[in-house]
Amino acid sequence: MQLHQSSLVKIMEQNQDHQRRAAAQEFQKALDELESILQENPAEDEVTPGLHSGNASDQELCENLGLIDLAAFEDAAADIEKYLEEKTKKK
């Protein structure tokens, strides 16, 4: 019986390791996608500094925020949320 329990524990640990690796790979994939999106749009970097300056008007902020690819941003946020949920479930 003791041998059976230790085998189950080992299997559970291997499964957790597999899930961790899968979550890490998925998270890295999301980061890579975000990086490629940011690299595809280097011209937007010229507009972005206005977001950080205290001198930007509300109109300028709205215009700058309109340049963000909302779908890509939502996908990235969903990937991060999923990763954090998986990480929380494992604890």
PDB file of N, CA and C in Angstrom:
ATOM      1  N   MET A   1       0.822  -1.198   0.000  1.00  0.00           N
ATOM      2  CA  MET A   1       0.000   0.000   0.000  1.00  0.00           C
ATOM      3  C   MET A   1       0.869   1.266   0.000  1.00  0.00           C
ATOM      4  N   GLN A   2       1.958   1.235   0.786  1.00  0.00           N
ATOM      5  CA  GLN A   2       2.865   2.369   0.859  1.00  0.00           C
ATOM      6  C   GLN A   2       3.493   2.648  -0.503  1.00  0.00           C
ATOM      7  N   LEU A   3       3.847   1.591  -1.223  1.00  0.00           N
ATOM      8  CA  LEU A   3       4.438   1.737  -2.546  1.00  0.00           C
ATOM      9  C   LEU A   3       3.445   2.382  -3.509  1.00  0.00           C
ATOM     10  N   HIS A   4       2.178   1.983  -3.418  1.00  0.00           N
ATOM     11  CA  HIS A   4       1.133   2.534  -4.277  1.00  0.00           C
ATOM     12  C   HIS A   4       0.950   4.025  -4.001  1.00  0.00           C
ATOM     13  N   GLN A   5       0.955   4.421  -2.741  1.00  0.00           N
ATOM     14  CA  GLN A   5       0.793   5.831  -2.395  1.00  0.00           C
ATOM     15  C   GLN A   5       1.970   6.658  -2.897  1.00  0.00           C
ATOM     16  N   SER A   6       3.167   6.140  -2.743  1.00  0.00           N
ATOM     17  CA  SER A   6       4.328   6.891  -3.212  1.00  0.00           C
ATOM     18  C   SER A   6       4.324   7.009  -4.733  1.00  0.00           C
ATOM     19  N   SER A   7       3.803   6.007  -5.408  1.00  0.00           N
ATOM     20  CA  SER A   7       3.683   6.074  -6.871  1.00  0.00           C
ATOM     21  C   SER A   7       2.674   7.145  -7.267  1.00  0.00           C
ATOM     22  N   LEU A   8       1.564   7.210  -6.531  1.00  0.00           N
ATOM     23  CA  LEU A   8       0.556   8.237  -6.814  1.00  0.00           C
ATOM     24  C   LEU A   8       1.114   9.636  -6.569  1.00  0.00           C
ATOM     25  N   VAL A   9       1.853   9.787  -5.504  1.00  0.00           N
ATOM     26  CA  VAL A   9       2.454  11.082  -5.200  1.00  0.00           C
ATOM     27  C   VAL A   9       3.415  11.483  -6.312  1.00  0.00           C
ATOM     28  N   LYS A  10       4.212  10.528  -6.765  1.00  0.00           N
ATOM     29  CA  LYS A  10       5.175  10.801  -7.831  1.00  0.00           C
ATOM     30  C   LYS A  10       4.445  11.199  -9.116  1.00  0.00           C
ATOM     31  N   ILE A  11       3.376  10.528  -9.430  1.00  0.00           N
ATOM     32  CA  ILE A  11       2.590  10.847 -10.627  1.00  0.00           C
ATOM     33  C   ILE A  11       1.989  12.242 -10.507  1.00  0.00           C
ATOM     34  N   MET A  12       1.469  12.565  -9.321  1.00  0.00           N
ATOM     35  CA  MET A  12       0.879  13.890  -9.106  1.00  0.00           C
ATOM     36  C   MET A  12       1.946  14.975  -9.252  1.00  0.00           C
ATOM     37  N   GLU A  13       3.128  14.731  -8.719  1.00  0.00           N
ATOM     38  CA  GLU A  13       4.203  15.707  -8.832  1.00  0.00           C
ATOM     39  C   GLU A  13       4.628  15.891 -10.285  1.00  0.00           C
ATOM     40  N   GLN A  14       4.689  14.803 -11.034  1.00  0.00           N
ATOM     41  CA  GLN A  14       5.044  14.889 -12.451  1.00  0.00           C
ATOM     42  C   GLN A  14       3.982  15.674 -13.217  1.00  0.00           C
ATOM     43  N   ASN A  15       2.712  15.447 -12.857  1.00  0.00           N
ATOM     44  CA  ASN A  15       1.623  16.166 -13.506  1.00  0.00           C
ATOM     45  C   ASN A  15       1.718  17.663 -13.201  1.00  0.00           C
ATOM     46  N   GLN A  16       2.023  17.994 -11.954  1.00  0.00           N
ATOM     47  CA  GLN A  16       2.169  19.407 -11.595  1.00  0.00           C
ATOM     48  C   GLN A  16       3.345  20.032 -12.342  1.00  0.00           C
ATOM     49  N   ASP A  17       4.437  19.304 -12.443  1.00  0.00           N
ATOM     50  CA  ASP A  17       5.591  19.802 -13.190  1.00  0.00           C
ATOM     51  C   ASP A  17       5.224  20.039 -14.648  1.00  0.00           C
ATOM     52  N   HIS A  18       4.486  19.100 -15.211  1.00  0.00           N
ATOM     53  CA  HIS A  18       4.048  19.242 -16.609  1.00  0.00           C
ATOM     54  C   HIS A  18       3.158  20.474 -16.756  1.00  0.00           C
ATOM     55  N   GLN A  19       2.235  20.664 -15.834  1.00  0.00           N
ATOM     56  CA  GLN A  19       1.344  21.823 -15.895  1.00  0.00           C
ATOM     57  C   GLN A  19       2.121  23.126 -15.742  1.00  0.00           C
ATOM     58  N   ARG A  20       3.104  23.137 -14.869  1.00  0.00           N
ATOM     59  CA  ARG A  20       3.938  24.332 -14.696  1.00  0.00           C
ATOM     60  C   ARG A  20       4.685  24.658 -15.980  1.00  0.00           C
ATOM     61  N   ARG A  21       5.280  23.618 -16.588  1.00  0.00           N
ATOM     62  CA  ARG A  21       6.016  23.840 -17.835  1.00  0.00           C
ATOM     63  C   ARG A  21       5.074  24.335 -18.935  1.00  0.00           C
ATOM     64  N   ALA A  22       3.883  23.742 -19.020  1.00  0.00           N
ATOM     65  CA  ALA A  22       2.922  24.160 -20.047  1.00  0.00           C
ATOM     66  C   ALA A  22       2.493  25.607 -19.815  1.00  0.00           C
ATOM     67  N   ALA A  23       2.236  25.975 -18.566  1.00  0.00           N
ATOM     68  CA  ALA A  23       1.843  27.350 -18.255  1.00  0.00           C
ATOM     69  C   ALA A  23       2.988  28.312 -18.559  1.00  0.00           C
ATOM     70  N   ALA A  24       4.201  27.917 -18.218  1.00  0.00           N
ATOM     71  CA  ALA A  24       5.365  28.766 -18.488  1.00  0.00           C
ATOM     72  C   ALA A  24       5.548  28.954 -19.988  1.00  0.00           C
ATOM     73  N   GLN A  25       5.367  27.876 -20.756  1.00  0.00           N
ATOM     74  CA  GLN A  25       5.501  27.974 -22.211  1.00  0.00           C
ATOM     75  C   GLN A  25       4.417  28.868 -22.799  1.00  0.00           C
ATOM     76  N   GLU A  26       3.207  28.727 -22.298  1.00  0.00           N
ATOM     77  CA  GLU A  26       2.097  29.546 -22.795  1.00  0.00           C
ATOM     78  C   GLU A  26       2.335  31.022 -22.458  1.00  0.00           C
ATOM     79  N   PHE A  27       2.817  31.266 -21.251  1.00  0.00           N
ATOM     80  CA  PHE A  27       3.103  32.636 -20.845  1.00  0.00           C
ATOM     81  C   PHE A  27       4.226  33.220 -21.703  1.00  0.00           C
ATOM     82  N   GLN A  28       5.275  32.436 -21.943  1.00  0.00           N
ATOM     83  CA  GLN A  28       6.376  32.905 -22.771  1.00  0.00           C
ATOM     84  C   GLN A  28       5.892  33.187 -24.190  1.00  0.00           C
ATOM     85  N   LYS A  29       4.995  32.349 -24.689  1.00  0.00           N
ATOM     86  CA  LYS A  29       4.440  32.559 -26.027  1.00  0.00           C
ATOM     87  C   LYS A  29       3.683  33.890 -26.079  1.00  0.00           C
ATOM     88  N   ALA A  30       2.907  34.167 -25.026  1.00  0.00           N
ATOM     89  CA  ALA A  30       2.162  35.425 -24.966  1.00  0.00           C
ATOM     90  C   ALA A  30       3.123  36.614 -24.918  1.00  0.00           C
ATOM     91  N   LEU A  31       4.198  36.482 -24.154  1.00  0.00           N
ATOM     92  CA  LEU A  31       5.190  37.557 -24.093  1.00  0.00           C
ATOM     93  C   LEU A  31       5.863  37.757 -25.446  1.00  0.00           C
ATOM     94  N   ASP A  32       6.166  36.654 -26.121  1.00  0.00           N
ATOM     95  CA  ASP A  32       6.778  36.744 -27.451  1.00  0.00           C
ATOM     96  C   ASP A  32       5.840  37.422 -28.437  1.00  0.00           C
ATOM     97  N   GLU A  33       4.550  37.084 -28.367  1.00  0.00           N
ATOM     98  CA  GLU A  33       3.559  37.709 -29.247  1.00  0.00           C
ATOM     99  C   GLU A  33       3.476  39.210 -28.972  1.00  0.00           C
ATOM    100  N   LEU A  34       3.478  39.564 -27.694  1.00  0.00           N
ATOM    101  CA  LEU A  34       3.424  40.977 -27.326  1.00  0.00           C
ATOM    102  C   LEU A  34       4.660  41.711 -27.834  1.00  0.00           C
ATOM    103  N   GLU A  35       5.815  41.086 -27.685  1.00  0.00           N
ATOM    104  CA  GLU A  35       7.051  41.697 -28.162  1.00  0.00           C
ATOM    105  C   GLU A  35       7.010  41.902 -29.677  1.00  0.00           C
ATOM    106  N   SER A  36       6.512  40.894 -30.400  1.00  0.00           N
ATOM    107  CA  SER A  36       6.468  41.029 -31.859  1.00  0.00           C
ATOM    108  C   SER A  36       5.473  42.117 -32.275  1.00  0.00           C
ATOM    109  N   ILE A  37       4.376  42.240 -31.549  1.00  0.00           N
ATOM    110  CA  ILE A  37       3.397  43.299 -31.844  1.00  0.00           C
ATOM    111  C   ILE A  37       4.035  44.661 -31.616  1.00  0.00           C
ATOM    112  N   LEU A  38       4.757  44.775 -30.515  1.00  0.00           N
ATOM    113  CA  LEU A  38       5.400  46.057 -30.214  1.00  0.00           C
ATOM    114  C   LEU A  38       6.483  46.384 -31.232  1.00  0.00           C
ATOM    115  N   GLN A  39       7.169  45.376 -31.732  1.00  0.00           N
ATOM    116  CA  GLN A  39       8.217  45.607 -32.726  1.00  0.00           C
ATOM    117  C   GLN A  39       7.638  45.902 -34.097  1.00  0.00           C
ATOM    118  N   GLU A  40       6.431  45.422 -34.370  1.00  0.00           N
ATOM    119  CA  GLU A  40       5.792  45.676 -35.663  1.00  0.00           C
ATOM    120  C   GLU A  40       5.396  47.136 -35.807  1.00  0.00           C
ATOM    121  N   ASN A  41       5.158  47.797 -34.696  1.00  0.00           N
ATOM    122  CA  ASN A  41       4.651  49.160 -34.717  1.00  0.00           C
ATOM    123  C   ASN A  41       5.639  50.143 -34.086  1.00  0.00           C
ATOM    124  N   PRO A  42       6.865  50.247 -34.623  1.00  0.00           N
ATOM    125  CA  PRO A  42       7.847  51.145 -33.993  1.00  0.00           C
ATOM    126  C   PRO A  42       7.460  52.614 -34.113  1.00  0.00           C
ATOM    127  N   ALA A  43       6.678  52.985 -35.116  1.00  0.00           N
ATOM    128  CA  ALA A  43       6.280  54.390 -35.278  1.00  0.00           C
ATOM    129  C   ALA A  43       5.406  54.840 -34.109  1.00  0.00           C
ATOM    130  N   GLU A  44       4.686  53.921 -33.500  1.00  0.00           N
ATOM    131  CA  GLU A  44       3.839  54.270 -32.370  1.00  0.00           C
ATOM    132  C   GLU A  44       4.665  54.672 -31.163  1.00  0.00           C
ATOM    133  N   ASP A  45       5.927  54.247 -31.109  1.00  0.00           N
ATOM    134  CA  ASP A  45       6.792  54.615 -29.997  1.00  0.00           C
ATOM    135  C   ASP A  45       6.976  56.123 -29.923  1.00  0.00           C
ATOM    136  N   GLU A  46       6.907  56.791 -31.064  1.00  0.00           N
ATOM    137  CA  GLU A  46       7.060  58.239 -31.081  1.00  0.00           C
ATOM    138  C   GLU A  46       5.896  58.923 -30.383  1.00  0.00           C
ATOM    139  N   VAL A  47       4.741  58.309 -30.398  1.00  0.00           N
ATOM    140  CA  VAL A  47       3.555  58.885 -29.774  1.00  0.00           C
ATOM    141  C   VAL A  47       3.502  58.534 -28.298  1.00  0.00           C
ATOM    142  N   THR A  48       3.984  57.371 -27.929  1.00  0.00           N
ATOM    143  CA  THR A  48       3.871  56.863 -26.573  1.00  0.00           C
ATOM    144  C   THR A  48       4.458  57.787 -25.510  1.00  0.00           C
ATOM    145  N   PRO A  49       5.602  58.458 -25.730  1.00  0.00           N
ATOM    146  CA  PRO A  49       6.129  59.303 -24.667  1.00  0.00           C
ATOM    147  C   PRO A  49       5.143  60.354 -24.174  1.00  0.00           C
ATOM    148  N   GLY A  50       4.232  60.783 -25.012  1.00  0.00           N
ATOM    149  CA  GLY A  50       3.208  61.733 -24.584  1.00  0.00           C
ATOM    150  C   GLY A  50       2.328  61.172 -23.490  1.00  0.00           C
ATOM    151  N   LEU A  51       2.194  59.859 -23.450  1.00  0.00           N
ATOM    152  CA  LEU A  51       1.384  59.238 -22.415  1.00  0.00           C
ATOM    153  C   LEU A  51       2.032  59.390 -21.048  1.00  0.00           C
ATOM    154  N   HIS A  52       3.352  59.484 -21.017  1.00  0.00           N
ATOM    155  CA  HIS A  52       4.071  59.509 -19.755  1.00  0.00           C
ATOM    156  C   HIS A  52       4.359  60.918 -19.255  1.00  0.00           C
ATOM    157  N   SER A  53       4.252  61.891 -20.124  1.00  0.00           N
ATOM    158  CA  SER A  53       4.557  63.245 -19.682  1.00  0.00           C
ATOM    159  C   SER A  53       3.359  63.832 -18.960  1.00  0.00           C
ATOM    160  N   GLY A  54       3.627  64.634 -18.020  1.00  0.00           N
ATOM    161  CA  GLY A  54       2.551  65.263 -17.258  1.00  0.00           C
ATOM    162  C   GLY A  54       1.879  66.371 -18.039  1.00  0.00           C
ATOM    163  N   ASN A  55       2.409  66.724 -19.202  1.00  0.00           N
ATOM    164  CA  ASN A  55       1.898  67.837 -19.984  1.00  0.00           C
ATOM    165  C   ASN A  55       0.865  67.420 -21.029  1.00  0.00           C
ATOM    166  N   ALA A  56       0.593  66.140 -21.163  1.00  0.00           N
ATOM    167  CA  ALA A  56      -0.339  65.672 -22.195  1.00  0.00           C
ATOM    168  C   ALA A  56      -1.766  66.072 -21.832  1.00  0.00           C
ATOM    169  N   SER A  57      -2.481  66.580 -22.824  1.00  0.00           N
ATOM    170  CA  SER A  57      -3.874  66.945 -22.597  1.00  0.00           C
ATOM    171  C   SER A  57      -4.747  65.703 -22.676  1.00  0.00           C
ATOM    172  N   ASP A  58      -5.971  65.820 -22.202  1.00  0.00           N
ATOM    173  CA  ASP A  58      -6.900  64.693 -22.277  1.00  0.00           C
ATOM    174  C   ASP A  58      -7.132  64.270 -23.722  1.00  0.00           C
ATOM    175  N   GLN A  59      -7.196  65.239 -24.615  1.00  0.00           N
ATOM    176  CA  GLN A  59      -7.410  64.919 -26.023  1.00  0.00           C
ATOM    177  C   GLN A  59      -6.225  64.128 -26.574  1.00  0.00           C
ATOM    178  N   GLU A  60      -5.004  64.537 -26.230  1.00  0.00           N
ATOM    179  CA  GLU A  60      -3.812  63.816 -26.683  1.00  0.00           C
ATOM    180  C   GLU A  60      -3.796  62.391 -26.134  1.00  0.00           C
ATOM    181  N   LEU A  61      -4.181  62.237 -24.871  1.00  0.00           N
ATOM    182  CA  LEU A  61      -4.221  60.905 -24.277  1.00  0.00           C
ATOM    183  C   LEU A  61      -5.215  60.014 -25.013  1.00  0.00           C
ATOM    184  N   CYS A  62      -6.387  60.542 -25.299  1.00  0.00           N
ATOM    185  CA  CYS A  62      -7.401  59.757 -26.020  1.00  0.00           C
ATOM    186  C   CYS A  62      -6.902  59.367 -27.408  1.00  0.00           C
ATOM    187  N   GLU A  63      -6.240  60.295 -28.086  1.00  0.00           N
ATOM    188  CA  GLU A  63      -5.711  59.992 -29.414  1.00  0.00           C
ATOM    189  C   GLU A  63      -4.641  58.912 -29.336  1.00  0.00           C
ATOM    190  N   ASN A  64      -3.770  59.008 -28.349  1.00  0.00           N
ATOM    191  CA  ASN A  64      -2.708  58.016 -28.197  1.00  0.00           C
ATOM    192  C   ASN A  64      -3.272  56.653 -27.827  1.00  0.00           C
ATOM    193  N   LEU A  65      -4.247  56.623 -26.967  1.00  0.00           N
ATOM    194  CA  LEU A  65      -4.847  55.355 -26.571  1.00  0.00           C
ATOM    195  C   LEU A  65      -5.566  54.699 -27.741  1.00  0.00           C
ATOM    196  N   GLY A  66      -6.034  55.478 -28.685  1.00  0.00           N
ATOM    197  CA  GLY A  66      -6.695  54.936 -29.858  1.00  0.00           C
ATOM    198  C   GLY A  66      -5.751  54.162 -30.758  1.00  0.00           C
ATOM    199  N   LEU A  67      -4.444  54.371 -30.600  1.00  0.00           N
ATOM    200  CA  LEU A  67      -3.459  53.677 -31.419  1.00  0.00           C
ATOM    201  C   LEU A  67      -3.175  52.266 -30.924  1.00  0.00           C
ATOM    202  N   ILE A  68      -3.604  51.939 -29.726  1.00  0.00           N
ATOM    203  CA  ILE A  68      -3.338  50.623 -29.154  1.00  0.00           C
ATOM    204  C   ILE A  68      -4.237  49.590 -29.842  1.00  0.00           C
ATOM    205  N   ASP A  69      -3.650  48.467 -30.216  1.00  0.00           N
ATOM    206  CA  ASP A  69      -4.420  47.375 -30.805  1.00  0.00           C
ATOM    207  C   ASP A  69      -5.179  46.695 -29.671  1.00  0.00           C
ATOM    208  N   LEU A  70      -6.452  47.036 -29.541  1.00  0.00           N
ATOM    209  CA  LEU A  70      -7.253  46.563 -28.419  1.00  0.00           C
ATOM    210  C   LEU A  70      -7.358  45.048 -28.377  1.00  0.00           C
ATOM    211  N   ALA A  71      -7.517  44.411 -29.504  1.00  0.00           N
ATOM    212  CA  ALA A  71      -7.643  42.948 -29.534  1.00  0.00           C
ATOM    213  C   ALA A  71      -6.360  42.288 -29.023  1.00  0.00           C
ATOM    214  N   ALA A  72      -5.223  42.786 -29.455  1.00  0.00           N
ATOM    215  CA  ALA A  72      -3.952  42.224 -28.997  1.00  0.00           C
ATOM    216  C   ALA A  72      -3.764  42.468 -27.503  1.00  0.00           C
ATOM    217  N   PHE A  73      -4.160  43.644 -27.051  1.00  0.00           N
ATOM    218  CA  PHE A  73      -4.061  43.968 -25.628  1.00  0.00           C
ATOM    219  C   PHE A  73      -4.959  43.050 -24.807  1.00  0.00           C
ATOM    220  N   GLU A  74      -6.182  42.824 -25.270  1.00  0.00           N
ATOM    221  CA  GLU A  74      -7.108  41.931 -24.564  1.00  0.00           C
ATOM    222  C   GLU A  74      -6.584  40.501 -24.541  1.00  0.00           C
ATOM    223  N   ASP A  75      -6.006  40.046 -25.656  1.00  0.00           N
ATOM    224  CA  ASP A  75      -5.428  38.696 -25.699  1.00  0.00           C
ATOM    225  C   ASP A  75      -4.291  38.559 -24.691  1.00  0.00           C
ATOM    226  N   ALA A  76      -3.448  39.560 -24.646  1.00  0.00           N
ATOM    227  CA  ALA A  76      -2.322  39.526 -23.707  1.00  0.00           C
ATOM    228  C   ALA A  76      -2.831  39.524 -22.268  1.00  0.00           C
ATOM    229  N   ALA A  77      -3.819  40.354 -21.986  1.00  0.00           N
ATOM    230  CA  ALA A  77      -4.387  40.404 -20.631  1.00  0.00           C
ATOM    231  C   ALA A  77      -5.028  39.066 -20.263  1.00  0.00           C
ATOM    232  N   ALA A  78      -5.722  38.460 -21.215  1.00  0.00           N
ATOM    233  CA  ALA A  78      -6.358  37.159 -20.954  1.00  0.00           C
ATOM    234  C   ALA A  78      -5.312  36.084 -20.690  1.00  0.00           C
ATOM    235  N   ASP A  79      -4.223  36.117 -21.453  1.00  0.00           N
ATOM    236  CA  ASP A  79      -3.142  35.142 -21.232  1.00  0.00           C
ATOM    237  C   ASP A  79      -2.522  35.315 -19.850  1.00  0.00           C
ATOM    238  N   ILE A  80      -2.321  36.552 -19.451  1.00  0.00           N
ATOM    239  CA  ILE A  80      -1.735  36.816 -18.136  1.00  0.00           C
ATOM    240  C   ILE A  80      -2.701  36.383 -17.033  1.00  0.00           C
ATOM    241  N   GLU A  81      -3.986  36.696 -17.193  1.00  0.00           N
ATOM    242  CA  GLU A  81      -4.979  36.276 -16.200  1.00  0.00           C
ATOM    243  C   GLU A  81      -5.028  34.751 -16.090  1.00  0.00           C
ATOM    244  N   LYS A  82      -5.005  34.074 -17.224  1.00  0.00           N
ATOM    245  CA  LYS A  82      -5.041  32.611 -17.220  1.00  0.00           C
ATOM    246  C   LYS A  82      -3.823  32.046 -16.507  1.00  0.00           C
ATOM    247  N   TYR A  83      -2.661  32.622 -16.805  1.00  0.00           N
ATOM    248  CA  TYR A  83      -1.430  32.183 -16.160  1.00  0.00           C
ATOM    249  C   TYR A  83      -1.517  32.369 -14.643  1.00  0.00           C
ATOM    250  N   LEU A  84      -1.997  33.527 -14.212  1.00  0.00           N
ATOM    251  CA  LEU A  84      -2.096  33.786 -12.778  1.00  0.00           C
ATOM    252  C   LEU A  84      -3.112  32.877 -12.113  1.00  0.00           C
ATOM    253  N   GLU A  85      -4.222  32.589 -12.784  1.00  0.00           N
ATOM    254  CA  GLU A  85      -5.218  31.661 -12.234  1.00  0.00           C
ATOM    255  C   GLU A  85      -4.629  30.273 -12.084  1.00  0.00           C
ATOM    256  N   GLU A  86      -3.900  29.811 -13.097  1.00  0.00           N
ATOM    257  CA  GLU A  86      -3.266  28.500 -13.032  1.00  0.00           C
ATOM    258  C   GLU A  86      -2.259  28.459 -11.885  1.00  0.00           C
ATOM    259  N   LYS A  87      -1.510  29.528 -11.751  1.00  0.00           N
ATOM    260  CA  LYS A  87      -0.502  29.586 -10.697  1.00  0.00           C
ATOM    261  C   LYS A  87      -1.156  29.571  -9.322  1.00  0.00           C
ATOM    262  N   THR A  88      -2.285  30.263  -9.183  1.00  0.00           N
ATOM    263  CA  THR A  88      -2.996  30.324  -7.900  1.00  0.00           C
ATOM    264  C   THR A  88      -3.614  28.977  -7.556  1.00  0.00           C
ATOM    265  N   LYS A  89      -4.147  28.278  -8.547  1.00  0.00           N
ATOM    266  CA  LYS A  89      -4.770  26.971  -8.325  1.00  0.00           C
ATOM    267  C   LYS A  89      -3.774  25.946  -7.823  1.00  0.00           C
ATOM    268  N   LYS A  90      -2.524  26.068  -8.235  1.00  0.00           N
ATOM    269  CA  LYS A  90      -1.495  25.090  -7.893  1.00  0.00           C
ATOM    270  C   LYS A  90      -1.005  25.232  -6.455  1.00  0.00           C
ATOM    271  N   LYS A  91      -1.252  26.378  -5.836  1.00  0.00           N
ATOM    272  CA  LYS A  91      -0.770  26.600  -4.470  1.00  0.00           C
ATOM    273  C   LYS A  91      -1.629  25.951  -3.469  1.00  0.00           C
TER     274      LYS A  91
END
